[in-house]
C-alpha atoms as a PDB file:
ATOM      1  CA  GLY A   1      56.737  11.963  48.990  1.00  0.00           C
ATOM      2  CA  ILE A   2      53.543   9.735  49.978  1.00  0.00           C
ATOM      3  CA  ARG A   3      50.579  11.848  50.601  1.00  0.00           C
ATOM      4  CA  THR A   4      48.008   9.494  53.374  1.00  0.00           C
ATOM      5  CA  GLU A   5      44.508  11.604  52.956  1.00  0.00           C
ATOM      6  CA  ASP A   6      41.195  10.759  54.564  1.00  0.00           C
ATOM      7  CA  LEU A   7      38.923   9.843  52.554  1.00  0.00           C
ATOM      8  CA  ARG A   8      35.778  10.833  54.457  1.00  0.00           C
ATOM      9  CA  THR A   9      37.247  14.340  55.956  1.00  0.00           C
ATOM     10  CA  ARG A  10      39.662  15.745  53.404  1.00  0.00           C
ATOM     11  CA  GLN A  11      42.701  16.244  55.806  1.00  0.00           C
ATOM     12  CA  THR A  12      46.005  15.053  55.313  1.00  0.00           C
ATOM     13  CA  ILE A  13      46.461  13.043  58.352  1.00  0.00           C
ATOM     14  CA  ALA A  14      50.288  12.238  57.349  1.00  0.00           C
ATOM     15  CA  GLU A  15      52.880  13.336  55.042  1.00  0.00           C
ATOM     16  CA  THR A  16      55.962  10.331  54.655  1.00  0.00           C
ATOM     17  CA  PRO A  17      59.367  11.030  52.555  1.00  0.00           C
ATOM     18  CA  VAL A  18      60.639   9.038  50.055  1.00  0.00           C
ATOM     19  CA  PRO A  19      62.840  11.139  48.212  1.00  0.00           C
ATOM     20  CA  GLY A  20      62.981   9.312  43.956  1.00  0.00           C
ATOM     21  CA  ILE A  21      59.611   7.416  44.547  1.00  0.00           C
ATOM     22  CA  THR A  22      58.546   6.656  41.718  1.00  0.00           C
ATOM     23  CA  ALA A  23      55.497   3.594  41.269  1.00  0.00           C
ATOM     24  CA  LEU A  24      54.293   2.505  43.889  1.00  0.00           C
ATOM     25  CA  ALA A  25      50.925  -0.799  44.422  1.00  0.00           C
ATOM     26  CA  VAL A  26      49.229  -2.560  47.613  1.00  0.00           C
ATOM     27  CA  ASP A  27      50.149  -5.961  48.618  1.00  0.00           C
ATOM     28  CA  PRO A  28      46.797  -7.891  49.116  1.00  0.00           C
ATOM     29  CA  THR A  29      48.562 -10.588  51.149  1.00  0.00           C
ATOM     30  CA  GLN A  30      49.710  -7.518  53.983  1.00  0.00           C
ATOM     31  CA  SER A  31      48.543  -4.434  54.895  1.00  0.00           C
ATOM     32  CA  ARG A  32      51.803  -2.780  53.364  1.00  0.00           C
ATOM     33  CA  LEU A  33      53.080   0.065  50.581  1.00  0.00           C
ATOM     34  CA  VAL A  34      55.426  -1.038  48.072  1.00  0.00           C
ATOM     35  CA  LEU A  35      57.717   1.617  46.288  1.00  0.00           C
ATOM     36  CA  GLY A  36      59.785   1.840  42.873  1.00  0.00           C
ATOM     37  CA  ALA A  37      62.139   4.509  42.784  1.00  0.00           C
ATOM     38  CA  GLU A  38      63.995   5.915  39.616  1.00  0.00           C
ATOM     39  CA  ASP A  39      67.391   4.646  41.098  1.00  0.00           C
ATOM     40  CA  GLY A  40      65.010   0.399  41.417  1.00  0.00           C
ATOM     41  CA  THR A  41      65.431   0.732  44.928  1.00  0.00           C
ATOM     42  CA  ILE A  42      62.286  -1.793  45.848  1.00  0.00           C
ATOM     43  CA  SER A  43      60.916  -0.984  49.077  1.00  0.00           C
ATOM     44  CA  THR A  44      57.921  -1.643  51.519  1.00  0.00           C
ATOM     45  CA  LEU A  45      55.974   0.768  53.807  1.00  0.00           C
ATOM     46  CA  GLU A  46      53.619  -0.094  56.378  1.00  0.00           C
ATOM     47  CA  LEU A  47      49.852   0.601  56.096  1.00  0.00           C
ATOM     48  CA  ASP A  48      49.450   0.902  59.583  1.00  0.00           C
ATOM     49  CA  GLY A  49      52.675   3.208  59.623  1.00  0.00           C
ATOM     50  CA  LEU A  50      50.933   5.729  57.751  1.00  0.00           C
ATOM     51  CA  GLY A  51      49.596   8.187  60.478  1.00  0.00           C
ATOM     52  CA  ASP A  52      47.474   7.847  63.695  1.00  0.00           C
ATOM     53  CA  GLY A  53      44.823  10.311  62.136  1.00  0.00           C
ATOM     54  CA  ASP A  54      46.329  13.910  63.319  1.00  0.00           C
ATOM     55  CA  ALA A  55      47.016  15.765  60.744  1.00  0.00           C
ATOM     56  CA  GLY A  56      50.726  16.660  60.108  1.00  0.00           C
ATOM     57  CA  THR A  57      51.721  13.008  61.966  1.00  0.00           C
ATOM     58  CA  ALA A  58      54.965  12.194  59.941  1.00  0.00           C
ATOM     59  CA  GLY A  59      54.562   8.302  58.177  1.00  0.00           C
ATOM     60  CA  ALA A  60      56.584   5.563  59.147  1.00  0.00           C
ATOM     61  CA  THR A  61      59.401   4.736  57.336  1.00  0.00           C
ATOM     62  CA  PRO A  62      60.629   2.399  54.475  1.00  0.00           C
ATOM     63  CA  VAL A  63      62.823  -0.399  54.283  1.00  0.00           C
ATOM     64  CA  GLU A  64      64.598  -1.415  51.553  1.00  0.00           C
ATOM     65  CA  LEU A  65      63.423  -5.056  50.005  1.00  0.00           C
ATOM     66  CA  ALA A  66      64.999  -5.821  46.823  1.00  0.00           C
ATOM     67  CA  HIS A  67      66.428  -3.530  44.002  1.00  0.00           C
ATOM     68  CA  VAL A  68      66.870  -3.712  40.085  1.00  0.00           C
ATOM     69  CA  PRO A  69      69.041  -3.001  37.367  1.00  0.00           C
ATOM     70  CA  LEU A  70      66.619   0.078  36.334  1.00  0.00           C
ATOM     71  CA  PRO A  71      64.479   2.979  37.526  1.00  0.00           C
ATOM     72  CA  VAL A  72      60.662   1.494  38.229  1.00  0.00           C
ATOM     73  CA  GLU A  73      57.981   2.812  35.962  1.00  0.00           C
ATOM     74  CA  ARG A  74      55.416   0.555  37.870  1.00  0.00           C
ATOM     75  CA  LEU A  75      54.723  -2.239  40.223  1.00  0.00           C
ATOM     76  CA  PHE A  76      52.199  -4.479  40.136  1.00  0.00           C
ATOM     77  CA  VAL A  77      51.264  -7.128  42.857  1.00  0.00           C
ATOM     78  CA  THR A  78      50.179 -10.564  42.113  1.00  0.00           C
ATOM     79  CA  ASP A  79      47.464 -12.167  44.715  1.00  0.00           C
ATOM     80  CA  ASP A  80      50.156 -14.165  46.072  1.00  0.00           C
ATOM     81  CA  GLY A  81      51.807 -11.197  47.127  1.00  0.00           C
ATOM     82  CA  THR A  82      55.156 -11.395  44.005  1.00  0.00           C
ATOM     83  CA  ILE A  83      55.998  -8.785  43.834  1.00  0.00           C
ATOM     84  CA  VAL A  84      56.413  -7.196  39.386  1.00  0.00           C
ATOM     85  CA  ALA A  85      58.924  -4.267  38.660  1.00  0.00           C
ATOM     86  CA  ALA A  86      58.955  -3.049  35.220  1.00  0.00           C
ATOM     87  CA  SER A  87      61.281   0.235  33.815  1.00  0.00           C
ATOM     88  CA  GLU A  88      60.241   0.977  30.563  1.00  0.00           C
ATOM     89  CA  LEU A  89      62.757  -1.928  28.724  1.00  0.00           C
ATOM     90  CA  ASP A  90      62.402  -4.704  31.527  1.00  0.00           C
ATOM     91  CA  VAL A  91      60.246  -7.013  33.719  1.00  0.00           C
ATOM     92  CA  THR A  92      61.314  -8.119  36.848  1.00  0.00           C
ATOM     93  CA  THR A  93      59.638  -9.787  39.413  1.00  0.00           C
ATOM     94  CA  ILE A  94      60.269 -10.630  43.190  1.00  0.00           C
ATOM     95  CA  ASP A  95      60.207 -12.613  45.888  1.00  0.00           C
ATOM     96  CA  GLY A  96      57.707 -10.249  48.645  1.00  0.00           C
ATOM     97  CA  THR A  97      58.884 -11.804  51.817  1.00  0.00           C
ATOM     98  CA  THR A  98      62.756 -12.664  50.614  1.00  0.00           C
ATOM     99  CA  GLY A  99      63.470  -9.774  47.914  1.00  0.00           C
ATOM    100  CA  ASP A 100      65.224 -12.723  46.658  1.00  0.00           C
ATOM    101  CA  ILE A 101      64.953 -11.300  42.348  1.00  0.00           C
ATOM    102  CA  LEU A 102      62.609 -14.400  40.631  1.00  0.00           C
ATOM    103  CA  GLY A 103      63.249 -13.603  36.670  1.00  0.00           C
ATOM    104  CA  THR A 104      63.608  -9.995  34.091  1.00  0.00           C
ATOM    105  CA  ALA A 105      62.757 -10.281  31.001  1.00  0.00           C
ATOM    106  CA  ASP A 106      63.463  -8.054  28.284  1.00  0.00           C
ATOM    107  CA  PHE A 107      60.800  -6.245  26.791  1.00  0.00           C
ATOM    108  CA  ASP A 108      60.521  -3.447  24.094  1.00  0.00           C
ATOM    109  CA  GLY A 109      58.678  -0.072  25.584  1.00  0.00           C
ATOM    110  CA  VAL A 110      56.871  -1.271  28.918  1.00  0.00           C
ATOM    111  CA  THR A 111      53.061   0.594  29.197  1.00  0.00           C
ATOM    112  CA  ASP A 112      51.460  -1.237  32.089  1.00  0.00           C
ATOM    113  CA  LEU A 113      50.832  -4.086  34.047  1.00  0.00           C
ATOM    114  CA  GLY A 114      47.907  -5.847  35.295  1.00  0.00           C
ATOM    115  CA  PRO A 115      46.837  -9.320  36.311  1.00  0.00           C
ATOM    116  CA  GLY A 116      46.615 -12.200  33.218  1.00  0.00           C
ATOM    117  CA  GLY A 117      44.250 -14.847  34.825  1.00  0.00           C
ATOM    118  CA  SER A 118      45.934 -18.234  34.546  1.00  0.00           C
ATOM    119  CA  GLY A 119      46.418 -19.858  31.300  1.00  0.00           C
ATOM    120  CA  PRO A 120      47.851 -23.676  29.337  1.00  0.00           C
ATOM    121  CA  VAL A 121      51.664 -23.512  28.857  1.00  0.00           C
ATOM    122  CA  LEU A 122      53.960 -26.135  27.893  1.00  0.00           C
ATOM    123  CA  GLN A 123      56.023 -26.915  30.481  1.00  0.00           C
ATOM    124  CA  GLY A 124      58.958 -28.684  30.152  1.00  0.00           C
ATOM    125  CA  ASP A 125      61.307 -30.448  32.770  1.00  0.00           C
ATOM    126  CA  PRO A 126      65.354 -31.667  31.573  1.00  0.00           C
ATOM    127  CA  ALA A 127      65.748 -33.896  33.238  1.00  0.00           C
ATOM    128  CA  THR A 128      63.803 -36.746  31.598  1.00  0.00           C
ATOM    129  CA  ILE A 129      64.555 -34.703  27.806  1.00  0.00           C
ATOM    130  CA  GLU A 130      67.249 -36.623  27.105  1.00  0.00           C
ATOM    131  CA  ASP A 131      67.946 -35.437  23.479  1.00  0.00           C
ATOM    132  CA  PRO A 132      67.351 -31.738  23.796  1.00  0.00           C
ATOM    133  CA  SER A 133      67.802 -30.554  20.129  1.00  0.00           C
ATOM    134  CA  ALA A 134      65.303 -32.919  18.600  1.00  0.00           C
ATOM    135  CA  LEU A 135      62.802 -32.025  21.197  1.00  0.00           C
ATOM    136  CA  ALA A 136      63.121 -28.571  19.966  1.00  0.00           C
ATOM    137  CA  GLU A 137      62.705 -29.859  15.963  1.00  0.00           C
ATOM    138  CA  THR A 138      59.551 -30.642  17.029  1.00  0.00           C
ATOM    139  CA  LEU A 139      58.467 -28.152  19.416  1.00  0.00           C
ATOM    140  CA  ALA A 140      59.340 -25.076  16.654  1.00  0.00           C
ATOM    141  CA  GLY A 141      56.917 -26.896  14.081  1.00  0.00           C
ATOM    142  CA  LEU A 142      54.606 -27.815  16.171  1.00  0.00           C
ATOM    143  CA  ILE A 143      53.070 -24.088  17.931  1.00  0.00           C
ATOM    144  CA  GLY A 144      56.085 -22.505  16.002  1.00  0.00           C
ATOM    145  CA  GLY A 145      59.931 -20.267  17.283  1.00  0.00           C
ATOM    146  CA  ASP A 146      63.193 -20.489  17.880  1.00  0.00           C
ATOM    147  CA  ALA A 147      64.273 -24.491  17.630  1.00  0.00           C
ATOM    148  CA  LEU A 148      67.921 -23.127  18.560  1.00  0.00           C
ATOM    149  CA  ASP A 149      66.301 -20.646  21.194  1.00  0.00           C
ATOM    150  CA  TYR A 150      63.493 -23.811  22.880  1.00  0.00           C
ATOM    151  CA  GLU A 151      66.697 -26.408  23.138  1.00  0.00           C
ATOM    152  CA  SER A 152      69.168 -23.277  24.732  1.00  0.00           C
ATOM    153  CA  ARG A 153      66.646 -23.146  27.694  1.00  0.00           C
ATOM    154  CA  ILE A 154      66.388 -26.543  28.402  1.00  0.00           C
ATOM    155  CA  THR A 155      70.069 -27.437  28.147  1.00  0.00           C
ATOM    156  CA  ARG A 156      70.922 -24.353  30.574  1.00  0.00           C
ATOM    157  CA  ALA A 157      68.119 -24.740  33.111  1.00  0.00           C
ATOM    158  CA  ALA A 158      69.049 -24.068  36.642  1.00  0.00           C
ATOM    159  CA  PRO A 159      68.671 -27.785  38.191  1.00  0.00           C
ATOM    160  CA  GLY A 160      65.695 -28.989  38.865  1.00  0.00           C
ATOM    161  CA  ALA A 161      63.714 -26.183  36.994  1.00  0.00           C
ATOM    162  CA  SER A 162      61.668 -26.708  34.779  1.00  0.00           C
ATOM    163  CA  VAL A 163      61.293 -24.658  31.506  1.00  0.00           C
ATOM    164  CA  LEU A 164      58.355 -22.735  29.637  1.00  0.00           C
ATOM    165  CA  PHE A 165      58.143 -23.413  26.012  1.00  0.00           C
ATOM    166  CA  GLY A 166      54.594 -21.065  25.202  1.00  0.00           C
ATOM    167  CA  SER A 167      51.256 -21.682  24.890  1.00  0.00           C
ATOM    168  CA  PRO A 168      50.176 -24.783  23.422  1.00  0.00           C
ATOM    169  CA  GLY A 169      48.318 -22.880  20.787  1.00  0.00           C
ATOM    170  CA  SER A 170      44.174 -23.639  20.108  1.00  0.00           C
ATOM    171  CA  GLY A 171      42.385 -25.514  17.121  1.00  0.00           C
ATOM    172  CA  ASP A 172      44.454 -28.025  15.173  1.00  0.00           C
ATOM    173  CA  THR A 173      47.670 -27.261  17.079  1.00  0.00           C
ATOM    174  CA  ARG A 174      46.112 -28.205  20.667  1.00  0.00           C
ATOM    175  CA  THR A 175      44.805 -31.100  18.564  1.00  0.00           C
ATOM    176  CA  ALA A 176      48.541 -31.927  17.872  1.00  0.00           C
ATOM    177  CA  VAL A 177      50.771 -30.836  20.676  1.00  0.00           C
ATOM    178  CA  ASP A 178      47.901 -32.929  22.361  1.00  0.00           C
ATOM    179  CA  GLU A 179      49.244 -35.304  20.185  1.00  0.00           C
ATOM    180  CA  ALA A 180      52.689 -35.258  20.483  1.00  0.00           C
ATOM    181  CA  ILE A 181      52.982 -34.880  24.151  1.00  0.00           C
ATOM    182  CA  THR A 182      50.492 -38.791  23.938  1.00  0.00           C
ATOM    183  CA  ASP A 183      52.745 -40.802  20.813  1.00  0.00           C
ATOM    184  CA  GLY A 184      55.686 -39.271  22.889  1.00  0.00           C
ATOM    185  CA  ARG A 185      57.191 -36.969  20.669  1.00  0.00           C
ATOM    186  CA  LEU A 186      57.980 -34.887  23.408  1.00  0.00           C
ATOM    187  CA  PRO A 187      59.178 -36.430  26.258  1.00  0.00           C
ATOM    188  CA  GLY A 188      58.665 -34.743  29.903  1.00  0.00           C
ATOM    189  CA  VAL A 189      57.005 -31.868  28.487  1.00  0.00           C
ATOM    190  CA  GLU A 190      53.455 -31.281  29.913  1.00  0.00           C
ATOM    191  CA  ILE A 191      50.174 -28.630  29.886  1.00  0.00           C
ATOM    192  CA  VAL A 192      49.732 -26.655  32.797  1.00  0.00           C
ATOM    193  CA  ASP A 193      46.994 -24.742  34.246  1.00  0.00           C
ATOM    194  CA  LEU A 194      49.419 -21.158  35.982  1.00  0.00           C
ATOM    195  CA  PRO A 195      48.935 -17.804  36.632  1.00  0.00           C
ATOM    196  CA  ARG A 196      49.939 -14.757  34.675  1.00  0.00           C
ATOM    197  CA  VAL A 197      50.969 -11.135  35.001  1.00  0.00           C
ATOM    198  CA  ALA A 198      49.440  -8.831  31.726  1.00  0.00           C
ATOM    199  CA  VAL A 199      52.714  -6.854  30.552  1.00  0.00           C
ATOM    200  CA  ALA A 200      51.808  -4.724  27.549  1.00  0.00           C
ATOM    201  CA  THR A 201      53.846  -2.502  25.473  1.00  0.00           C
ATOM    202  CA  SER A 202      54.365  -0.568  22.681  1.00  0.00           C
ATOM    203  CA  THR A 203      53.341  -3.555  20.009  1.00  0.00           C
ATOM    204  CA  GLY A 204      50.466  -5.590  21.746  1.00  0.00           C
ATOM    205  CA  VAL A 205      50.029  -7.556  25.431  1.00  0.00           C
ATOM    206  CA  SER A 206      52.540 -10.454  26.383  1.00  0.00           C
ATOM    207  CA  PHE A 207      51.642 -12.665  29.654  1.00  0.00           C
ATOM    208  CA  ILE A 208      54.896 -13.795  31.953  1.00  0.00           C
ATOM    209  CA  ASP A 209      54.787 -16.126  34.708  1.00  0.00           C
ATOM    210  CA  PRO A 210      55.258 -14.288  38.109  1.00  0.00           C
ATOM    211  CA  ALA A 211      57.543 -17.215  39.993  1.00  0.00           C
ATOM    212  CA  THR A 212      60.578 -16.767  36.131  1.00  0.00           C
ATOM    213  CA  ALA A 213      59.479 -13.689  34.175  1.00  0.00           C
ATOM    214  CA  ALA A 214      59.395 -16.038  31.154  1.00  0.00           C
ATOM    215  CA  THR A 215      56.718 -15.157  28.924  1.00  0.00           C
ATOM    216  CA  THR A 216      53.865 -17.221  28.135  1.00  0.00           C
ATOM    217  CA  SER A 217      52.485 -16.344  25.670  1.00  0.00           C
ATOM    218  CA  SER A 218      51.960 -13.085  23.632  1.00  0.00           C
ATOM    219  CA  ARG A 219      49.560 -11.086  21.241  1.00  0.00           C
ATOM    220  CA  ILE A 220      50.095  -8.166  19.105  1.00  0.00           C
ATOM    221  CA  CYS A 221      47.860  -5.946  18.208  1.00  0.00           C
ATOM    222  CA  TRP A 222      47.781  -2.722  15.186  1.00  0.00           C
END
């Protein structure tokens, strides 16, 4: 459950029963808590309803917003209200208003979530990419990675959706990517600056796009 304390008097204001709760975060866009449970339930709780100042007052009732398939071990809410829920093995992003699942990404040993600022990302428009295979090969030669994976992202993208290919790199790599965009070898691809969420894992830190849960870049820590 959740215990609400008055920091001035050090008195308990309310105790709210929430069976199975495993994680919580404050939504900066609204006056509410976001709760995660061991059965994968994501719910919200209005902060204004957490007691009226009288000790022992029952708290408000959580309202279910979404459900994910694995136990919620960590929660993070972005500045725009997007909810990021993590189990040990995956990260799911959720529309904080509708509860719709925006995306899910697999990770190994998620240990924390946090703000990742923003950063440059290669973004493509599948509708304008006439030869996905050729573009994927060019991308792999410029920034590394698997050409087949890039091609799959293009061909399997939902109608009207953009795809992310990762970081454009820095130094000589960034220069080469800029030249490839300019001379037409990467048609339909541009470099955009996107907000990111940092995902700490057992092997390093990855940055994901909260709108899709797609990984934009990774850093391996030894």
